[in-house]
Amino acid sequence: MRNQELIDLLNQDLANEFAAIIQYTTYAAKVTGPFRPELSQFLLAEVADEQGHAKFLADKILVLGGEPTTQAASVAPANTNKAMLEAVLEAENRAIIGYTQRAEQAAE
């Protein structure tokens, strides 16, 4: 795999991390019901992790000679607590698959 291809894929991952920050922040504001405080806090607690992932990716992109994106990927719309949690779970599962692939690609 060429450097630029890896940079492009890492930038897609970075855009997804930016989207995760937006997703967790907006979902935390949108949750409803009797467990709103706990669920909101649970979602907000993830933002710092996503920021760390974004910083890590930006650093790797720069080391490879690329320019980190400043654009976020789209965030799945969700209007119920269940839909928000399902969207977060799906995004996290996609991230795991992507990072596993990226590790294999970088090793090549």
N, C-alpha and C. Protein backbone atom coordinates (compact mmCIF):
# COMPACT_ATOMS: atom_id res chain seq x y z
N MET A 1 0.85 -1.18 0.00
CA MET A 1 0.00 0.00 0.00
C MET A 1 0.89 1.23 0.00
N ARG A 2 0.54 2.16 -0.85
CA ARG A 2 1.29 3.41 -0.92
C ARG A 2 0.96 4.29 0.29
N ASN A 3 1.91 5.19 0.58
CA ASN A 3 1.75 6.11 1.70
C ASN A 3 0.46 6.93 1.58
N GLN A 4 0.21 7.47 0.37
CA GLN A 4 -0.95 8.32 0.19
C GLN A 4 -2.25 7.56 0.42
N GLU A 5 -2.30 6.31 0.02
CA GLU A 5 -3.50 5.50 0.26
C GLU A 5 -3.74 5.33 1.75
N LEU A 6 -2.67 5.07 2.49
CA LEU A 6 -2.79 4.92 3.94
C LEU A 6 -3.20 6.25 4.58
N ILE A 7 -2.63 7.34 4.12
CA ILE A 7 -3.00 8.66 4.64
C ILE A 7 -4.49 8.92 4.39
N ASP A 8 -4.96 8.60 3.20
CA ASP A 8 -6.38 8.81 2.88
C ASP A 8 -7.29 7.99 3.79
N LEU A 9 -6.91 6.75 4.04
CA LEU A 9 -7.71 5.90 4.93
C LEU A 9 -7.67 6.40 6.37
N LEU A 10 -6.50 6.84 6.81
CA LEU A 10 -6.39 7.40 8.15
C LEU A 10 -7.20 8.69 8.28
N ASN A 11 -7.26 9.47 7.22
CA ASN A 11 -8.09 10.67 7.24
C ASN A 11 -9.57 10.32 7.32
N GLN A 12 -9.98 9.23 6.69
CA GLN A 12 -11.36 8.78 6.84
C GLN A 12 -11.62 8.38 8.30
N ASP A 13 -10.65 7.70 8.90
CA ASP A 13 -10.78 7.33 10.31
C ASP A 13 -10.85 8.58 11.19
N LEU A 14 -10.03 9.57 10.86
CA LEU A 14 -10.04 10.83 11.61
C LEU A 14 -11.39 11.53 11.49
N ALA A 15 -11.94 11.56 10.29
CA ALA A 15 -13.26 12.15 10.09
C ALA A 15 -14.32 11.42 10.91
N ASN A 16 -14.17 10.12 11.03
CA ASN A 16 -15.09 9.33 11.86
C ASN A 16 -14.92 9.65 13.34
N GLU A 17 -13.71 9.90 13.78
CA GLU A 17 -13.49 10.28 15.18
C GLU A 17 -14.11 11.65 15.47
N PHE A 18 -13.95 12.59 14.54
CA PHE A 18 -14.61 13.88 14.71
C PHE A 18 -16.12 13.71 14.78
N ALA A 19 -16.65 12.84 13.93
CA ALA A 19 -18.09 12.56 13.95
C ALA A 19 -18.50 11.94 15.29
N ALA A 20 -17.66 11.08 15.84
CA ALA A 20 -17.97 10.45 17.13
C ALA A 20 -18.06 11.51 18.23
N ILE A 21 -17.17 12.49 18.19
CA ILE A 21 -17.20 13.57 19.18
C ILE A 21 -18.54 14.32 19.07
N ILE A 22 -18.92 14.63 17.85
CA ILE A 22 -20.20 15.31 17.62
C ILE A 22 -21.36 14.42 18.05
N GLN A 23 -21.28 13.16 17.67
CA GLN A 23 -22.35 12.21 17.99
C GLN A 23 -22.55 12.10 19.51
N TYR A 24 -21.49 11.85 20.24
CA TYR A 24 -21.61 11.71 21.69
C TYR A 24 -22.12 13.00 22.34
N THR A 25 -21.63 14.13 21.86
CA THR A 25 -22.03 15.41 22.45
C THR A 25 -23.49 15.72 22.19
N THR A 26 -23.93 15.55 20.95
CA THR A 26 -25.33 15.86 20.64
C THR A 26 -26.27 14.84 21.23
N TYR A 27 -25.90 13.58 21.21
CA TYR A 27 -26.76 12.56 21.81
C TYR A 27 -26.89 12.79 23.32
N ALA A 28 -25.81 13.21 23.96
CA ALA A 28 -25.88 13.49 25.40
C ALA A 28 -26.89 14.58 25.69
N ALA A 29 -27.01 15.52 24.80
CA ALA A 29 -27.99 16.61 24.98
C ALA A 29 -29.41 16.14 24.67
N LYS A 30 -29.55 15.15 23.80
CA LYS A 30 -30.86 14.73 23.32
C LYS A 30 -31.53 13.62 24.15
N VAL A 31 -30.77 12.93 24.99
CA VAL A 31 -31.37 11.81 25.72
C VAL A 31 -32.52 12.31 26.60
N THR A 32 -33.46 11.43 26.83
CA THR A 32 -34.65 11.79 27.60
C THR A 32 -34.95 10.71 28.63
N GLY A 33 -35.91 11.00 29.47
CA GLY A 33 -36.42 10.01 30.41
C GLY A 33 -35.81 10.11 31.78
N PRO A 34 -36.23 9.19 32.65
CA PRO A 34 -35.81 9.25 34.06
C PRO A 34 -34.31 9.01 34.26
N PHE A 35 -33.65 8.36 33.31
CA PHE A 35 -32.21 8.10 33.45
C PHE A 35 -31.38 9.05 32.60
N ARG A 36 -31.98 10.17 32.24
CA ARG A 36 -31.29 11.16 31.41
C ARG A 36 -29.95 11.59 32.01
N PRO A 37 -29.87 11.94 33.29
CA PRO A 37 -28.58 12.39 33.83
C PRO A 37 -27.47 11.34 33.68
N GLU A 38 -27.82 10.09 33.98
CA GLU A 38 -26.82 9.02 33.91
C GLU A 38 -26.42 8.73 32.47
N LEU A 39 -27.40 8.67 31.59
CA LEU A 39 -27.11 8.37 30.19
C LEU A 39 -26.34 9.52 29.54
N SER A 40 -26.73 10.74 29.85
CA SER A 40 -26.02 11.89 29.32
C SER A 40 -24.56 11.88 29.77
N GLN A 41 -24.33 11.61 31.04
CA GLN A 41 -22.97 11.56 31.56
C GLN A 41 -22.17 10.42 30.94
N PHE A 42 -22.81 9.29 30.73
CA PHE A 42 -22.16 8.15 30.08
C PHE A 42 -21.67 8.54 28.69
N LEU A 43 -22.53 9.20 27.92
CA LEU A 43 -22.16 9.60 26.57
C LEU A 43 -21.06 10.66 26.57
N LEU A 44 -21.18 11.64 27.44
CA LEU A 44 -20.17 12.70 27.51
C LEU A 44 -18.80 12.18 27.94
N ALA A 45 -18.79 11.14 28.75
CA ALA A 45 -17.52 10.57 29.22
C ALA A 45 -16.71 9.99 28.06
N GLU A 46 -17.35 9.66 26.97
CA GLU A 46 -16.66 9.09 25.81
C GLU A 46 -15.96 10.14 24.95
N VAL A 47 -16.35 11.38 25.09
CA VAL A 47 -15.80 12.44 24.23
C VAL A 47 -14.28 12.55 24.38
N ALA A 48 -13.78 12.49 25.58
CA ALA A 48 -12.33 12.62 25.79
C ALA A 48 -11.57 11.48 25.11
N ASP A 49 -12.11 10.27 25.14
CA ASP A 49 -11.47 9.15 24.45
C ASP A 49 -11.42 9.40 22.95
N GLU A 50 -12.52 9.88 22.39
CA GLU A 50 -12.58 10.14 20.96
C GLU A 50 -11.61 11.26 20.57
N GLN A 51 -11.47 12.26 21.43
CA GLN A 51 -10.50 13.32 21.16
C GLN A 51 -9.08 12.76 21.15
N GLY A 52 -8.81 11.85 22.06
CA GLY A 52 -7.48 11.21 22.09
C GLY A 52 -7.23 10.40 20.83
N HIS A 53 -8.25 9.68 20.36
CA HIS A 53 -8.11 8.92 19.12
C HIS A 53 -7.84 9.87 17.95
N ALA A 54 -8.56 10.98 17.91
CA ALA A 54 -8.38 11.95 16.83
C ALA A 54 -6.96 12.51 16.84
N LYS A 55 -6.45 12.85 17.99
CA LYS A 55 -5.08 13.38 18.11
C LYS A 55 -4.07 12.34 17.65
N PHE A 56 -4.25 11.10 18.05
CA PHE A 56 -3.36 10.02 17.65
C PHE A 56 -3.33 9.90 16.12
N LEU A 57 -4.52 9.88 15.51
CA LEU A 57 -4.60 9.75 14.06
C LEU A 57 -3.98 10.94 13.34
N ALA A 58 -4.25 12.14 13.82
CA ALA A 58 -3.67 13.33 13.21
C ALA A 58 -2.15 13.27 13.26
N ASP A 59 -1.60 12.83 14.39
CA ASP A 59 -0.15 12.69 14.52
C ASP A 59 0.40 11.69 13.51
N LYS A 60 -0.26 10.56 13.34
CA LYS A 60 0.20 9.53 12.40
C LYS A 60 0.14 10.05 10.97
N ILE A 61 -0.93 10.76 10.64
CA ILE A 61 -1.06 11.33 9.30
C ILE A 61 0.09 12.29 9.01
N LEU A 62 0.41 13.13 9.98
CA LEU A 62 1.51 14.08 9.81
C LEU A 62 2.85 13.37 9.66
N VAL A 63 3.07 12.32 10.45
CA VAL A 63 4.32 11.56 10.36
C VAL A 63 4.49 10.95 8.97
N LEU A 64 3.37 10.55 8.37
CA LEU A 64 3.42 9.96 7.03
C LEU A 64 3.52 11.01 5.93
N GLY A 65 3.51 12.29 6.31
CA GLY A 65 3.65 13.36 5.34
C GLY A 65 2.34 13.89 4.81
N GLY A 66 1.24 13.55 5.47
CA GLY A 66 -0.07 14.00 5.03
C GLY A 66 -0.57 15.20 5.81
N GLU A 67 -1.74 15.66 5.43
CA GLU A 67 -2.41 16.77 6.10
C GLU A 67 -3.70 16.23 6.73
N PRO A 68 -3.83 16.33 8.05
CA PRO A 68 -5.05 15.83 8.69
C PRO A 68 -6.30 16.58 8.24
N THR A 69 -7.36 15.85 8.02
CA THR A 69 -8.63 16.46 7.65
C THR A 69 -9.18 17.30 8.80
N THR A 70 -9.98 18.25 8.46
CA THR A 70 -10.71 19.03 9.46
C THR A 70 -12.21 18.83 9.33
N GLN A 71 -12.60 17.90 8.47
CA GLN A 71 -14.01 17.63 8.21
C GLN A 71 -14.46 16.38 8.95
N ALA A 72 -15.62 16.46 9.55
CA ALA A 72 -16.20 15.29 10.22
C ALA A 72 -17.04 14.49 9.24
N ALA A 73 -17.09 13.19 9.46
CA ALA A 73 -18.02 12.34 8.72
C ALA A 73 -19.43 12.67 9.20
N SER A 74 -20.42 12.17 8.51
CA SER A 74 -21.80 12.46 8.93
C SER A 74 -22.15 11.65 10.18
N VAL A 75 -23.08 12.18 10.93
CA VAL A 75 -23.56 11.54 12.16
C VAL A 75 -24.95 10.98 11.90
N ALA A 76 -25.14 9.75 12.29
CA ALA A 76 -26.44 9.10 12.09
C ALA A 76 -27.51 9.82 12.91
N PRO A 77 -28.64 10.14 12.29
CA PRO A 77 -29.72 10.76 13.06
C PRO A 77 -30.36 9.71 13.99
N ALA A 78 -30.70 10.14 15.16
CA ALA A 78 -31.35 9.25 16.13
C ALA A 78 -32.19 10.10 17.06
N ASN A 79 -33.42 9.66 17.31
CA ASN A 79 -34.33 10.46 18.12
C ASN A 79 -34.84 9.77 19.38
N THR A 80 -34.39 8.56 19.61
CA THR A 80 -34.75 7.89 20.86
C THR A 80 -33.48 7.42 21.55
N ASN A 81 -33.57 7.20 22.83
CA ASN A 81 -32.40 6.72 23.57
C ASN A 81 -31.87 5.42 22.95
N LYS A 82 -32.78 4.52 22.64
CA LYS A 82 -32.38 3.23 22.06
C LYS A 82 -31.68 3.44 20.72
N ALA A 83 -32.25 4.28 19.87
CA ALA A 83 -31.65 4.54 18.56
C ALA A 83 -30.26 5.18 18.71
N MET A 84 -30.11 6.07 19.68
CA MET A 84 -28.82 6.70 19.90
C MET A 84 -27.78 5.67 20.34
N LEU A 85 -28.15 4.81 21.28
CA LEU A 85 -27.21 3.80 21.74
C LEU A 85 -26.86 2.81 20.63
N GLU A 86 -27.85 2.45 19.82
CA GLU A 86 -27.58 1.55 18.70
C GLU A 86 -26.65 2.21 17.68
N ALA A 87 -26.84 3.50 17.42
CA ALA A 87 -25.98 4.22 16.48
C ALA A 87 -24.54 4.32 17.00
N VAL A 88 -24.40 4.55 18.30
CA VAL A 88 -23.08 4.62 18.91
C VAL A 88 -22.39 3.25 18.82
N LEU A 89 -23.13 2.21 19.12
CA LEU A 89 -22.56 0.85 19.06
C LEU A 89 -22.12 0.52 17.63
N GLU A 90 -22.94 0.85 16.66
CA GLU A 90 -22.59 0.59 15.27
C GLU A 90 -21.33 1.36 14.86
N ALA A 91 -21.24 2.61 15.26
CA ALA A 91 -20.06 3.42 14.93
C ALA A 91 -18.81 2.85 15.58
N GLU A 92 -18.91 2.41 16.82
CA GLU A 92 -17.76 1.84 17.51
C GLU A 92 -17.33 0.53 16.86
N ASN A 93 -18.29 -0.29 16.46
CA ASN A 93 -17.96 -1.55 15.79
C ASN A 93 -17.27 -1.29 14.45
N ARG A 94 -17.74 -0.29 13.71
CA ARG A 94 -17.08 0.08 12.44
C ARG A 94 -15.66 0.57 12.70
N ALA A 95 -15.46 1.31 13.78
CA ALA A 95 -14.13 1.81 14.11
C ALA A 95 -13.17 0.66 14.41
N ILE A 96 -13.64 -0.34 15.13
CA ILE A 96 -12.80 -1.50 15.45
C ILE A 96 -12.37 -2.20 14.17
N ILE A 97 -13.31 -2.40 13.27
CA ILE A 97 -12.98 -3.05 11.99
C ILE A 97 -11.98 -2.20 11.22
N GLY A 98 -12.22 -0.91 11.15
CA GLY A 98 -11.32 -0.01 10.43
C GLY A 98 -9.92 0.00 11.00
N TYR A 99 -9.81 0.06 12.32
CA TYR A 99 -8.48 0.10 12.94
C TYR A 99 -7.75 -1.22 12.78
N THR A 100 -8.47 -2.31 12.80
CA THR A 100 -7.85 -3.61 12.56
C THR A 100 -7.29 -3.66 11.14
N GLN A 101 -8.08 -3.19 10.19
CA GLN A 101 -7.60 -3.13 8.80
C GLN A 101 -6.41 -2.20 8.66
N ARG A 102 -6.47 -1.04 9.31
CA ARG A 102 -5.39 -0.06 9.20
C ARG A 102 -4.09 -0.62 9.76
N ALA A 103 -4.15 -1.38 10.84
CA ALA A 103 -2.94 -1.98 11.41
C ALA A 103 -2.33 -2.97 10.42
N GLU A 104 -3.18 -3.76 9.78
CA GLU A 104 -2.69 -4.72 8.77
C GLU A 104 -2.10 -3.99 7.57
N GLN A 105 -2.76 -2.92 7.13
CA GLN A 105 -2.29 -2.16 5.98
C GLN A 105 -0.97 -1.47 6.29
N ALA A 106 -0.83 -0.94 7.48
CA ALA A 106 0.42 -0.26 7.86
C ALA A 106 1.57 -1.26 7.95
N ALA A 107 1.26 -2.49 8.37
CA ALA A 107 2.30 -3.51 8.47
C ALA A 107 2.83 -3.91 7.10
N GLU A 108 1.97 -3.79 6.08
CA GLU A 108 2.40 -4.12 4.71
C GLU A 108 3.43 -3.12 4.26
